Amino acid sequence: MTIQDFDIQVASGQHVDYAQQICDEMAESAKARGTGIAQRSPEYVANKMLEGKAVIAFHKDGTWAGFCYIETWSHGDFVANSGLIVNPQFRKAGLAKAIKENIFKLSRKKYPDAKIFGLTTGLAVMKINSELGYEPVTYSELTQDEDFWAGCKSCVNYDILMSKGRKNCMCTAMLFDPVEKAKQQEEKSKDMSRKATLFQRIENAIKSFSQELKIF
């Protein structure tokens, strides 16, 4: 089984019948990991599909394979790619990474100026996030929207979060800041330009020196 065996697409109204199955699998996965998630109803998930704020994956035989959706916070200043789930029979095929890449692209398209963040205990998700350009940050750099943090109430570690004044918990906070990334890219381009200029100067000096040697 390879990633080519799957079709990943932006979810729409034609997929709402999968909402219950998706929610059930999210709950089972969280239970198996011993962690909590922000519980969402099938109606909530279905609405994300209707809004075009989710991606869904299917195996080539038509079986539902995975899902992830977009949430916005602080009036659209922050975006979270939430509810990443892969059907257990299709795990270990690179599908989670492919879904994350697709929902990330959709988030950047819909909210190009928003900071994209996530909270996770999963090393695999952290690795994927890093490859997408996320960087570890403190909780203070995330949205302070109360509705977002209320979603943590269903987690078994919620008491730990609150006892630490919402400054840290078992999850690692990661953030993609488009403004910061643009600055980094600009600096990288300038650095490459400086190196190219220096190389050209060295090359010209060598040519000049060689010509002087020929004269003598």
N, C-alpha and C. Protein backbone atom coordinates (compact mmCIF):
# COMPACT_ATOMS: atom_id res chain seq x y z
N MET A 1 0.84 -1.20 0.00
CA MET A 1 0.00 0.00 0.00
C MET A 1 0.88 1.25 0.00
N THR A 2 0.62 2.17 -0.93
CA THR A 2 1.38 3.41 -1.02
C THR A 2 0.41 4.59 -1.02
N ILE A 3 0.98 5.78 -0.92
CA ILE A 3 0.15 6.99 -0.89
C ILE A 3 -0.61 7.16 -2.20
N GLN A 4 -0.12 6.56 -3.28
CA GLN A 4 -0.81 6.65 -4.57
C GLN A 4 -2.14 5.90 -4.57
N ASP A 5 -2.36 5.09 -3.53
CA ASP A 5 -3.61 4.33 -3.43
C ASP A 5 -4.75 5.16 -2.86
N PHE A 6 -4.46 6.45 -2.55
CA PHE A 6 -5.46 7.29 -1.89
C PHE A 6 -5.77 8.54 -2.68
N ASP A 7 -7.00 9.01 -2.51
CA ASP A 7 -7.44 10.27 -3.11
C ASP A 7 -7.76 11.23 -1.97
N ILE A 8 -7.01 12.34 -1.91
CA ILE A 8 -7.23 13.36 -0.88
C ILE A 8 -7.83 14.58 -1.54
N GLN A 9 -8.96 15.04 -1.04
CA GLN A 9 -9.68 16.14 -1.66
C GLN A 9 -10.30 17.06 -0.62
N VAL A 10 -10.65 18.26 -1.04
CA VAL A 10 -11.36 19.18 -0.14
C VAL A 10 -12.75 18.62 0.08
N ALA A 11 -13.14 18.47 1.35
CA ALA A 11 -14.44 17.90 1.68
C ALA A 11 -15.57 18.86 1.31
N SER A 12 -16.72 18.29 1.03
CA SER A 12 -17.88 19.11 0.64
C SER A 12 -19.16 18.45 1.16
N GLY A 13 -20.28 18.98 0.73
CA GLY A 13 -21.56 18.46 1.19
C GLY A 13 -21.79 16.99 0.87
N GLN A 14 -21.16 16.50 -0.16
CA GLN A 14 -21.35 15.10 -0.53
C GLN A 14 -20.70 14.12 0.44
N HIS A 15 -19.93 14.66 1.40
CA HIS A 15 -19.22 13.81 2.35
C HIS A 15 -19.80 13.84 3.77
N VAL A 16 -20.87 14.56 3.98
CA VAL A 16 -21.39 14.76 5.35
C VAL A 16 -21.80 13.45 6.02
N ASP A 17 -22.14 12.44 5.23
CA ASP A 17 -22.55 11.16 5.82
C ASP A 17 -21.41 10.46 6.54
N TYR A 18 -20.18 10.91 6.33
CA TYR A 18 -19.02 10.31 7.00
C TYR A 18 -18.73 10.97 8.35
N ALA A 19 -19.45 12.03 8.68
CA ALA A 19 -19.17 12.80 9.90
C ALA A 19 -19.23 11.94 11.17
N GLN A 20 -20.23 11.10 11.28
CA GLN A 20 -20.36 10.27 12.48
C GLN A 20 -19.19 9.29 12.60
N GLN A 21 -18.84 8.65 11.50
CA GLN A 21 -17.73 7.71 11.51
C GLN A 21 -16.43 8.40 11.89
N ILE A 22 -16.23 9.60 11.37
CA ILE A 22 -15.02 10.37 11.68
C ILE A 22 -14.96 10.71 13.17
N CYS A 23 -16.06 11.18 13.73
CA CYS A 23 -16.10 11.53 15.16
C CYS A 23 -15.87 10.30 16.04
N ASP A 24 -16.45 9.17 15.65
CA ASP A 24 -16.26 7.94 16.42
C ASP A 24 -14.79 7.52 16.42
N GLU A 25 -14.15 7.64 15.28
CA GLU A 25 -12.75 7.23 15.18
C GLU A 25 -11.84 8.19 15.95
N MET A 26 -12.19 9.48 15.94
CA MET A 26 -11.43 10.46 16.72
C MET A 26 -11.46 10.10 18.20
N ALA A 27 -12.65 9.75 18.69
CA ALA A 27 -12.81 9.41 20.10
C ALA A 27 -12.05 8.14 20.46
N GLU A 28 -12.11 7.14 19.59
CA GLU A 28 -11.42 5.88 19.83
C GLU A 28 -9.91 6.07 19.82
N SER A 29 -9.43 6.90 18.91
CA SER A 29 -8.00 7.14 18.81
C SER A 29 -7.48 7.85 20.06
N ALA A 30 -8.22 8.84 20.53
CA ALA A 30 -7.83 9.57 21.74
C ALA A 30 -7.82 8.65 22.94
N LYS A 31 -8.80 7.76 23.01
CA LYS A 31 -8.90 6.81 24.11
C LYS A 31 -7.71 5.86 24.10
N ALA A 32 -7.32 5.40 22.92
CA ALA A 32 -6.19 4.48 22.79
C ALA A 32 -4.87 5.15 23.18
N ARG A 33 -4.74 6.46 22.89
CA ARG A 33 -3.53 7.19 23.23
C ARG A 33 -3.49 7.61 24.68
N GLY A 34 -4.64 7.60 25.32
CA GLY A 34 -4.71 8.03 26.71
C GLY A 34 -4.70 9.53 26.86
N THR A 35 -5.05 10.23 25.79
CA THR A 35 -5.13 11.69 25.84
C THR A 35 -6.51 12.13 25.39
N GLY A 36 -6.78 13.40 25.60
CA GLY A 36 -8.08 13.90 25.20
C GLY A 36 -7.99 14.74 23.94
N ILE A 37 -9.13 15.06 23.38
CA ILE A 37 -9.19 15.95 22.22
C ILE A 37 -10.37 16.90 22.45
N ALA A 38 -10.38 17.96 21.68
CA ALA A 38 -11.54 18.85 21.72
C ALA A 38 -12.69 18.10 21.05
N GLN A 39 -13.64 17.67 21.83
CA GLN A 39 -14.73 16.87 21.30
C GLN A 39 -15.61 17.68 20.35
N ARG A 40 -15.87 17.12 19.19
CA ARG A 40 -16.71 17.76 18.20
C ARG A 40 -17.85 16.83 17.83
N SER A 41 -19.00 17.41 17.57
CA SER A 41 -20.17 16.63 17.20
C SER A 41 -20.14 16.35 15.70
N PRO A 42 -20.88 15.33 15.25
CA PRO A 42 -20.97 15.08 13.81
C PRO A 42 -21.50 16.30 13.05
N GLU A 43 -22.37 17.07 13.69
CA GLU A 43 -22.91 18.27 13.06
C GLU A 43 -21.81 19.31 12.83
N TYR A 44 -20.93 19.43 13.80
CA TYR A 44 -19.82 20.38 13.69
C TYR A 44 -18.89 19.98 12.54
N VAL A 45 -18.54 18.69 12.50
CA VAL A 45 -17.66 18.18 11.45
C VAL A 45 -18.32 18.34 10.07
N ALA A 46 -19.61 18.03 10.00
CA ALA A 46 -20.34 18.16 8.74
C ALA A 46 -20.35 19.61 8.27
N ASN A 47 -20.47 20.54 9.19
CA ASN A 47 -20.49 21.95 8.84
C ASN A 47 -19.14 22.39 8.26
N LYS A 48 -18.05 21.83 8.79
CA LYS A 48 -16.73 22.14 8.25
C LYS A 48 -16.64 21.69 6.79
N MET A 49 -17.25 20.55 6.51
CA MET A 49 -17.28 20.06 5.13
C MET A 49 -18.06 21.02 4.24
N LEU A 50 -19.20 21.45 4.72
CA LEU A 50 -20.06 22.34 3.94
C LEU A 50 -19.39 23.68 3.68
N GLU A 51 -18.53 24.10 4.61
CA GLU A 51 -17.82 25.38 4.48
C GLU A 51 -16.57 25.26 3.61
N GLY A 52 -16.22 24.04 3.23
CA GLY A 52 -15.00 23.84 2.46
C GLY A 52 -13.75 24.02 3.29
N LYS A 53 -13.86 23.75 4.60
CA LYS A 53 -12.74 23.93 5.51
C LYS A 53 -12.24 22.59 6.06
N ALA A 54 -12.18 21.59 5.21
CA ALA A 54 -11.71 20.28 5.63
C ALA A 54 -11.21 19.52 4.42
N VAL A 55 -10.35 18.53 4.67
CA VAL A 55 -9.94 17.62 3.61
C VAL A 55 -10.28 16.20 4.06
N ILE A 56 -10.62 15.37 3.11
CA ILE A 56 -11.01 14.00 3.39
C ILE A 56 -10.28 13.08 2.42
N ALA A 57 -9.93 11.91 2.89
CA ALA A 57 -9.18 10.96 2.06
C ALA A 57 -9.94 9.66 1.93
N PHE A 58 -9.82 9.06 0.75
CA PHE A 58 -10.44 7.77 0.47
C PHE A 58 -9.43 6.82 -0.17
N HIS A 59 -9.56 5.54 0.18
CA HIS A 59 -8.75 4.53 -0.49
C HIS A 59 -9.33 4.34 -1.88
N LYS A 60 -8.55 3.79 -2.78
CA LYS A 60 -9.00 3.61 -4.15
C LYS A 60 -10.22 2.69 -4.27
N ASP A 61 -10.49 1.91 -3.21
CA ASP A 61 -11.68 1.06 -3.23
C ASP A 61 -12.92 1.79 -2.70
N GLY A 62 -12.75 3.09 -2.35
CA GLY A 62 -13.87 3.89 -1.89
C GLY A 62 -14.04 3.99 -0.40
N THR A 63 -13.21 3.27 0.36
CA THR A 63 -13.30 3.29 1.82
C THR A 63 -12.75 4.59 2.38
N TRP A 64 -13.49 5.16 3.37
CA TRP A 64 -13.00 6.38 4.02
C TRP A 64 -11.66 6.08 4.68
N ALA A 65 -10.68 6.99 4.48
CA ALA A 65 -9.33 6.72 4.97
C ALA A 65 -8.79 7.75 5.95
N GLY A 66 -9.24 9.01 5.86
CA GLY A 66 -8.69 10.01 6.77
C GLY A 66 -9.38 11.36 6.64
N PHE A 67 -9.05 12.25 7.59
CA PHE A 67 -9.76 13.53 7.65
C PHE A 67 -8.98 14.54 8.49
N CYS A 68 -9.20 15.82 8.20
CA CYS A 68 -8.66 16.91 9.02
C CYS A 68 -9.43 18.17 8.66
N TYR A 69 -9.57 19.11 9.61
CA TYR A 69 -10.34 20.32 9.33
C TYR A 69 -9.65 21.57 9.87
N ILE A 70 -10.15 22.70 9.41
CA ILE A 70 -9.59 24.00 9.78
C ILE A 70 -10.48 24.69 10.81
N GLU A 71 -9.85 25.26 11.83
CA GLU A 71 -10.55 26.10 12.79
C GLU A 71 -9.86 27.47 12.82
N THR A 72 -10.63 28.52 13.01
CA THR A 72 -10.06 29.86 13.09
C THR A 72 -10.33 30.45 14.47
N TRP A 73 -9.36 31.23 14.94
CA TRP A 73 -9.45 31.84 16.27
C TRP A 73 -8.98 33.28 16.21
N SER A 74 -9.36 34.05 17.22
CA SER A 74 -8.94 35.45 17.33
C SER A 74 -9.24 36.21 16.05
N HIS A 75 -10.48 36.07 15.58
CA HIS A 75 -10.97 36.79 14.41
C HIS A 75 -10.15 36.48 13.15
N GLY A 76 -9.68 35.24 13.05
CA GLY A 76 -8.95 34.82 11.86
C GLY A 76 -7.46 35.07 11.91
N ASP A 77 -6.95 35.61 13.01
CA ASP A 77 -5.51 35.86 13.13
C ASP A 77 -4.75 34.55 13.32
N PHE A 78 -5.44 33.55 13.89
CA PHE A 78 -4.83 32.24 14.12
C PHE A 78 -5.68 31.16 13.47
N VAL A 79 -5.01 30.16 12.94
CA VAL A 79 -5.67 29.01 12.33
C VAL A 79 -5.07 27.74 12.91
N ALA A 80 -5.93 26.76 13.17
CA ALA A 80 -5.47 25.46 13.64
C ALA A 80 -5.97 24.38 12.69
N ASN A 81 -5.09 23.44 12.36
CA ASN A 81 -5.49 22.27 11.59
C ASN A 81 -5.81 21.17 12.59
N SER A 82 -7.07 20.93 12.80
CA SER A 82 -7.51 20.08 13.89
C SER A 82 -8.11 18.75 13.42
N GLY A 83 -8.25 17.85 14.40
CA GLY A 83 -8.97 16.61 14.16
C GLY A 83 -8.32 15.67 13.17
N LEU A 84 -7.00 15.71 13.03
CA LEU A 84 -6.34 14.79 12.11
C LEU A 84 -6.58 13.35 12.54
N ILE A 85 -7.15 12.57 11.65
CA ILE A 85 -7.44 11.18 11.97
C ILE A 85 -7.26 10.33 10.72
N VAL A 86 -6.71 9.14 10.91
CA VAL A 86 -6.53 8.18 9.82
C VAL A 86 -7.20 6.88 10.21
N ASN A 87 -7.96 6.33 9.31
CA ASN A 87 -8.60 5.03 9.52
C ASN A 87 -7.52 4.01 9.88
N PRO A 88 -7.66 3.29 11.01
CA PRO A 88 -6.63 2.36 11.48
C PRO A 88 -6.11 1.39 10.42
N GLN A 89 -6.96 0.95 9.52
CA GLN A 89 -6.51 -0.04 8.53
C GLN A 89 -5.60 0.57 7.46
N PHE A 90 -5.48 1.92 7.47
CA PHE A 90 -4.65 2.58 6.47
C PHE A 90 -3.47 3.33 7.07
N ARG A 91 -3.14 3.05 8.32
CA ARG A 91 -2.01 3.70 8.95
C ARG A 91 -0.70 3.09 8.47
N LYS A 92 0.38 3.81 8.66
CA LYS A 92 1.72 3.39 8.24
C LYS A 92 1.90 3.47 6.73
N ALA A 93 1.05 4.24 6.04
CA ALA A 93 1.18 4.37 4.59
C ALA A 93 1.55 5.79 4.18
N GLY A 94 1.86 6.65 5.18
CA GLY A 94 2.22 8.03 4.88
C GLY A 94 1.01 8.92 4.67
N LEU A 95 -0.19 8.41 5.02
CA LEU A 95 -1.41 9.17 4.76
C LEU A 95 -1.55 10.38 5.67
N ALA A 96 -1.17 10.24 6.94
CA ALA A 96 -1.28 11.36 7.88
C ALA A 96 -0.48 12.56 7.37
N LYS A 97 0.73 12.29 6.89
CA LYS A 97 1.58 13.38 6.37
C LYS A 97 0.94 14.03 5.16
N ALA A 98 0.40 13.21 4.27
CA ALA A 98 -0.22 13.74 3.05
C ALA A 98 -1.45 14.59 3.38
N ILE A 99 -2.25 14.14 4.35
CA ILE A 99 -3.42 14.90 4.76
C ILE A 99 -3.00 16.23 5.39
N LYS A 100 -1.97 16.19 6.25
CA LYS A 100 -1.47 17.41 6.88
C LYS A 100 -0.97 18.40 5.82
N GLU A 101 -0.29 17.91 4.82
CA GLU A 101 0.22 18.78 3.77
C GLU A 101 -0.93 19.44 3.01
N ASN A 102 -2.00 18.67 2.76
CA ASN A 102 -3.14 19.20 2.02
C ASN A 102 -3.93 20.21 2.85
N ILE A 103 -4.14 19.95 4.13
CA ILE A 103 -4.91 20.88 4.96
C ILE A 103 -4.08 22.14 5.22
N PHE A 104 -2.77 21.99 5.27
CA PHE A 104 -1.88 23.15 5.43
C PHE A 104 -1.99 24.06 4.20
N LYS A 105 -1.95 23.47 3.02
CA LYS A 105 -2.07 24.24 1.78
C LYS A 105 -3.43 24.94 1.70
N LEU A 106 -4.48 24.23 2.12
CA LEU A 106 -5.82 24.82 2.12
C LEU A 106 -5.90 25.99 3.10
N SER A 107 -5.27 25.83 4.26
CA SER A 107 -5.25 26.91 5.26
C SER A 107 -4.52 28.13 4.74
N ARG A 108 -3.38 27.91 4.07
CA ARG A 108 -2.61 29.03 3.53
C ARG A 108 -3.38 29.74 2.43
N LYS A 109 -4.15 28.97 1.67
CA LYS A 109 -4.94 29.56 0.58
C LYS A 109 -6.09 30.39 1.13
N LYS A 110 -6.78 29.86 2.12
CA LYS A 110 -7.94 30.56 2.68
C LYS A 110 -7.55 31.69 3.62
N TYR A 111 -6.47 31.49 4.36
CA TYR A 111 -6.05 32.48 5.37
C TYR A 111 -4.54 32.75 5.22
N PRO A 112 -4.14 33.42 4.13
CA PRO A 112 -2.71 33.62 3.85
C PRO A 112 -1.94 34.41 4.90
N ASP A 113 -2.62 35.24 5.67
CA ASP A 113 -1.94 36.08 6.66
C ASP A 113 -2.02 35.52 8.08
N ALA A 114 -2.73 34.42 8.25
CA ALA A 114 -2.93 33.87 9.59
C ALA A 114 -1.74 33.04 10.07
N LYS A 115 -1.54 33.03 11.36
CA LYS A 115 -0.55 32.15 11.97
C LYS A 115 -1.22 30.78 12.17
N ILE A 116 -0.54 29.73 11.74
CA ILE A 116 -1.09 28.38 11.85
C ILE A 116 -0.40 27.67 13.01
N PHE A 117 -1.18 27.14 13.93
CA PHE A 117 -0.58 26.55 15.12
C PHE A 117 -1.19 25.19 15.47
N GLY A 118 -0.54 24.52 16.36
CA GLY A 118 -1.06 23.24 16.81
C GLY A 118 -0.50 22.87 18.17
N LEU A 119 -1.23 22.05 18.89
CA LEU A 119 -0.80 21.47 20.15
C LEU A 119 -0.85 19.96 19.99
N THR A 120 0.26 19.29 20.27
CA THR A 120 0.26 17.85 20.09
C THR A 120 1.25 17.15 21.02
N THR A 121 0.96 15.90 21.32
CA THR A 121 1.89 15.06 22.08
C THR A 121 2.53 14.03 21.16
N GLY A 122 2.08 13.99 19.91
CA GLY A 122 2.55 12.97 18.97
C GLY A 122 3.85 13.36 18.27
N LEU A 123 4.87 12.52 18.38
CA LEU A 123 6.16 12.80 17.75
C LEU A 123 6.04 12.82 16.23
N ALA A 124 5.19 11.96 15.70
CA ALA A 124 5.01 11.89 14.25
C ALA A 124 4.44 13.21 13.73
N VAL A 125 3.45 13.75 14.45
CA VAL A 125 2.83 15.01 14.05
C VAL A 125 3.84 16.15 14.18
N MET A 126 4.64 16.13 15.24
CA MET A 126 5.67 17.16 15.42
C MET A 126 6.64 17.16 14.25
N LYS A 127 7.02 15.97 13.80
CA LYS A 127 7.96 15.84 12.68
C LYS A 127 7.35 16.41 11.40
N ILE A 128 6.08 16.08 11.16
CA ILE A 128 5.39 16.58 9.98
C ILE A 128 5.29 18.11 10.04
N ASN A 129 4.92 18.62 11.21
CA ASN A 129 4.80 20.06 11.38
C ASN A 129 6.12 20.77 11.10
N SER A 130 7.21 20.19 11.60
CA SER A 130 8.53 20.78 11.39
C SER A 130 8.86 20.85 9.91
N GLU A 131 8.51 19.79 9.18
CA GLU A 131 8.78 19.76 7.74
C GLU A 131 7.96 20.81 6.99
N LEU A 132 6.81 21.17 7.55
CA LEU A 132 5.95 22.18 6.93
C LEU A 132 6.38 23.61 7.29
N GLY A 133 7.31 23.72 8.25
CA GLY A 133 7.79 25.05 8.62
C GLY A 133 7.36 25.53 9.99
N TYR A 134 6.63 24.69 10.73
CA TYR A 134 6.25 25.05 12.10
C TYR A 134 7.51 25.07 12.97
N GLU A 135 7.45 25.87 14.03
CA GLU A 135 8.53 25.90 15.01
C GLU A 135 7.95 25.82 16.42
N PRO A 136 8.65 25.16 17.35
CA PRO A 136 8.16 25.08 18.73
C PRO A 136 8.10 26.47 19.34
N VAL A 137 7.04 26.75 20.07
CA VAL A 137 6.86 28.05 20.71
C VAL A 137 6.27 27.85 22.11
N THR A 138 6.24 28.93 22.88
CA THR A 138 5.58 28.88 24.18
C THR A 138 4.07 29.06 23.98
N TYR A 139 3.31 28.64 24.95
CA TYR A 139 1.86 28.76 24.86
C TYR A 139 1.41 30.21 24.73
N SER A 140 2.21 31.13 25.25
CA SER A 140 1.84 32.55 25.20
C SER A 140 1.81 33.09 23.77
N GLU A 141 2.46 32.38 22.85
CA GLU A 141 2.50 32.83 21.46
C GLU A 141 1.31 32.31 20.65
N LEU A 142 0.47 31.50 21.28
CA LEU A 142 -0.71 30.97 20.61
C LEU A 142 -1.90 31.90 20.83
N THR A 143 -3.00 31.59 20.19
CA THR A 143 -4.21 32.37 20.41
C THR A 143 -4.61 32.32 21.89
N GLN A 144 -5.12 33.41 22.38
CA GLN A 144 -5.62 33.45 23.76
C GLN A 144 -7.15 33.40 23.77
N ASP A 145 -7.73 33.04 22.65
CA ASP A 145 -9.18 32.91 22.52
C ASP A 145 -9.69 31.86 23.52
N GLU A 146 -10.59 32.26 24.39
CA GLU A 146 -11.10 31.37 25.44
C GLU A 146 -11.80 30.14 24.87
N ASP A 147 -12.44 30.31 23.72
CA ASP A 147 -13.13 29.17 23.11
C ASP A 147 -12.16 28.07 22.72
N PHE A 148 -10.96 28.46 22.29
CA PHE A 148 -9.97 27.45 21.93
C PHE A 148 -9.55 26.65 23.16
N TRP A 149 -9.21 27.35 24.22
CA TRP A 149 -8.74 26.66 25.42
C TRP A 149 -9.84 25.86 26.10
N ALA A 150 -11.07 26.27 25.88
CA ALA A 150 -12.19 25.50 26.43
C ALA A 150 -12.24 24.11 25.82
N GLY A 151 -11.71 23.98 24.60
CA GLY A 151 -11.68 22.69 23.95
C GLY A 151 -10.79 21.69 24.65
N CYS A 152 -9.88 22.17 25.49
CA CYS A 152 -8.97 21.28 26.22
C CYS A 152 -9.65 20.60 27.42
N LYS A 153 -10.86 21.03 27.74
CA LYS A 153 -11.53 20.49 28.92
C LYS A 153 -11.77 18.99 28.83
N SER A 154 -11.86 18.47 27.61
CA SER A 154 -12.11 17.04 27.44
C SER A 154 -10.84 16.21 27.54
N CYS A 155 -9.68 16.88 27.70
CA CYS A 155 -8.41 16.18 27.79
C CYS A 155 -8.14 15.72 29.22
N VAL A 156 -7.52 14.55 29.35
CA VAL A 156 -7.22 14.01 30.68
C VAL A 156 -6.17 14.86 31.39
N ASN A 157 -5.46 15.69 30.64
CA ASN A 157 -4.42 16.53 31.23
C ASN A 157 -4.88 17.96 31.50
N TYR A 158 -6.19 18.21 31.42
CA TYR A 158 -6.71 19.57 31.58
C TYR A 158 -6.34 20.17 32.93
N ASP A 159 -6.37 19.37 33.99
CA ASP A 159 -6.02 19.87 35.33
C ASP A 159 -4.57 20.35 35.37
N ILE A 160 -3.70 19.64 34.64
CA ILE A 160 -2.29 20.03 34.58
C ILE A 160 -2.17 21.39 33.89
N LEU A 161 -2.88 21.54 32.78
CA LEU A 161 -2.87 22.79 32.02
C LEU A 161 -3.28 23.96 32.91
N MET A 162 -4.37 23.79 33.64
CA MET A 162 -4.88 24.88 34.46
C MET A 162 -4.00 25.15 35.67
N SER A 163 -3.41 24.09 36.23
CA SER A 163 -2.54 24.26 37.40
C SER A 163 -1.29 25.04 37.03
N LYS A 164 -0.93 25.03 35.75
CA LYS A 164 0.24 25.76 35.28
C LYS A 164 -0.13 27.11 34.65
N GLY A 165 -1.36 27.52 34.92
CA GLY A 165 -1.80 28.82 34.43
C GLY A 165 -1.83 28.91 32.91
N ARG A 166 -2.06 27.77 32.26
CA ARG A 166 -2.15 27.69 30.81
C ARG A 166 -0.84 28.10 30.12
N LYS A 167 0.27 27.98 30.85
CA LYS A 167 1.55 28.35 30.28
C LYS A 167 2.25 27.17 29.63
N ASN A 168 1.93 25.96 30.06
CA ASN A 168 2.47 24.75 29.44
C ASN A 168 1.68 23.54 29.92
N CYS A 169 1.89 22.43 29.24
CA CYS A 169 1.20 21.19 29.60
C CYS A 169 1.96 20.03 28.97
N MET A 170 1.30 18.91 28.73
CA MET A 170 1.95 17.77 28.14
C MET A 170 2.15 17.95 26.63
N CYS A 171 1.35 18.79 26.02
CA CYS A 171 1.45 19.03 24.57
C CYS A 171 2.57 20.01 24.24
N THR A 172 3.14 19.83 23.07
CA THR A 172 4.12 20.77 22.53
C THR A 172 3.39 21.74 21.60
N ALA A 173 3.62 23.02 21.80
CA ALA A 173 3.00 24.04 20.95
C ALA A 173 3.91 24.32 19.76
N MET A 174 3.32 24.36 18.57
CA MET A 174 4.10 24.63 17.36
C MET A 174 3.36 25.68 16.52
N LEU A 175 4.14 26.53 15.86
CA LEU A 175 3.54 27.66 15.15
C LEU A 175 4.22 27.91 13.80
N PHE A 176 3.39 28.19 12.78
CA PHE A 176 3.89 28.66 11.49
C PHE A 176 3.46 30.10 11.36
N ASP A 177 4.44 31.01 11.33
CA ASP A 177 4.17 32.45 11.22
C ASP A 177 4.56 32.91 9.83
N PRO A 178 3.59 33.22 8.96
CA PRO A 178 3.92 33.60 7.57
C PRO A 178 4.79 34.85 7.48
N VAL A 179 4.61 35.80 8.39
CA VAL A 179 5.41 37.02 8.37
C VAL A 179 6.86 36.69 8.71
N GLU A 180 7.05 35.87 9.74
CA GLU A 180 8.39 35.49 10.16
C GLU A 180 9.07 34.65 9.08
N LYS A 181 8.30 33.77 8.45
CA LYS A 181 8.86 32.94 7.38
C LYS A 181 9.29 33.78 6.19
N ALA A 182 8.51 34.82 5.89
CA ALA A 182 8.85 35.72 4.78
C ALA A 182 10.16 36.45 5.09
N LYS A 183 10.32 36.87 6.35
CA LYS A 183 11.55 37.55 6.76
C LYS A 183 12.75 36.61 6.64
N GLN A 184 12.56 35.36 7.08
CA GLN A 184 13.64 34.38 7.01
C GLN A 184 14.04 34.12 5.56
N GLN A 185 13.03 34.04 4.68
CA GLN A 185 13.31 33.80 3.27
C GLN A 185 14.04 34.98 2.65
N GLU A 186 13.65 36.19 3.06
CA GLU A 186 14.31 37.39 2.56
C GLU A 186 15.76 37.44 2.99
N GLU A 187 16.00 37.11 4.26
CA GLU A 187 17.37 37.09 4.77
C GLU A 187 18.20 36.02 4.07
N LYS A 188 17.57 34.89 3.79
CA LYS A 188 18.26 33.80 3.10
C LYS A 188 18.65 34.23 1.69
N SER A 189 17.73 34.94 1.02
CA SER A 189 18.00 35.42 -0.34
C SER A 189 19.13 36.45 -0.34
N LYS A 190 19.10 37.34 0.68
CA LYS A 190 20.15 38.35 0.78
C LYS A 190 21.50 37.70 1.04
N ASP A 191 21.51 36.68 1.90
CA ASP A 191 22.74 35.97 2.23
C ASP A 191 23.30 35.28 0.99
N MET A 192 22.42 34.67 0.21
CA MET A 192 22.86 33.99 -1.01
C MET A 192 23.41 35.01 -2.01
N SER A 193 22.77 36.18 -2.06
CA SER A 193 23.23 37.24 -2.95
C SER A 193 24.60 37.74 -2.53
N ARG A 194 24.79 37.91 -1.21
CA ARG A 194 26.09 38.36 -0.70
C ARG A 194 27.19 37.35 -1.03
N LYS A 195 26.86 36.07 -0.86
CA LYS A 195 27.84 35.01 -1.14
C LYS A 195 28.17 34.97 -2.63
N ALA A 196 27.14 35.16 -3.46
CA ALA A 196 27.36 35.15 -4.90
C ALA A 196 28.25 36.32 -5.31
N THR A 197 28.00 37.49 -4.69
CA THR A 197 28.82 38.68 -4.99
C THR A 197 30.26 38.47 -4.57
N LEU A 198 30.44 37.89 -3.37
CA LEU A 198 31.78 37.61 -2.87
C LEU A 198 32.50 36.62 -3.78
N PHE A 199 31.80 35.60 -4.20
CA PHE A 199 32.39 34.59 -5.09
C PHE A 199 32.82 35.23 -6.41
N GLN A 200 31.97 36.14 -6.92
CA GLN A 200 32.29 36.82 -8.17
C GLN A 200 33.53 37.69 -8.02
N ARG A 201 33.62 38.37 -6.87
CA ARG A 201 34.78 39.22 -6.62
C ARG A 201 36.06 38.38 -6.55
N ILE A 202 35.96 37.23 -5.89
CA ILE A 202 37.13 36.34 -5.77
C ILE A 202 37.52 35.82 -7.16
N GLU A 203 36.51 35.45 -7.94
CA GLU A 203 36.76 34.93 -9.28
C GLU A 203 37.42 36.00 -10.15
N ASN A 204 36.93 37.23 -10.04
CA ASN A 204 37.50 38.32 -10.82
C ASN A 204 38.94 38.60 -10.40
N ALA A 205 39.19 38.51 -9.09
CA ALA A 205 40.55 38.75 -8.58
C ALA A 205 41.51 37.69 -9.10
N ILE A 206 41.04 36.44 -9.15
CA ILE A 206 41.88 35.34 -9.64
C ILE A 206 42.20 35.54 -11.12
N LYS A 207 41.19 35.94 -11.89
CA LYS A 207 41.39 36.19 -13.32
C LYS A 207 42.39 37.32 -13.53
N SER A 208 42.23 38.38 -12.74
CA SER A 208 43.13 39.53 -12.85
C SER A 208 44.55 39.14 -12.52
N PHE A 209 44.70 38.35 -11.47
CA PHE A 209 46.03 37.90 -11.05
C PHE A 209 46.67 37.02 -12.12
N SER A 210 45.84 36.16 -12.73
CA SER A 210 46.33 35.26 -13.79
C SER A 210 46.81 36.07 -14.98
N GLN A 211 46.09 37.11 -15.32
CA GLN A 211 46.48 37.94 -16.45
C GLN A 211 47.80 38.67 -16.17
N GLU A 212 47.96 39.10 -14.92
CA GLU A 212 49.20 39.78 -14.55
C GLU A 212 50.39 38.83 -14.67
N LEU A 213 50.19 37.56 -14.31
CA LEU A 213 51.25 36.57 -14.39
C LEU A 213 51.67 36.34 -15.85
N LYS A 214 50.69 36.35 -16.75
CA LYS A 214 50.95 36.15 -18.18
C LYS A 214 51.79 37.28 -18.75
N ILE A 215 51.55 38.50 -18.23
CA ILE A 215 52.31 39.67 -18.70
C ILE A 215 53.79 39.51 -18.39
N PHE A 216 54.05 38.97 -17.20
CA PHE A 216 55.45 38.80 -16.79
C PHE A 216 56.02 37.49 -17.32
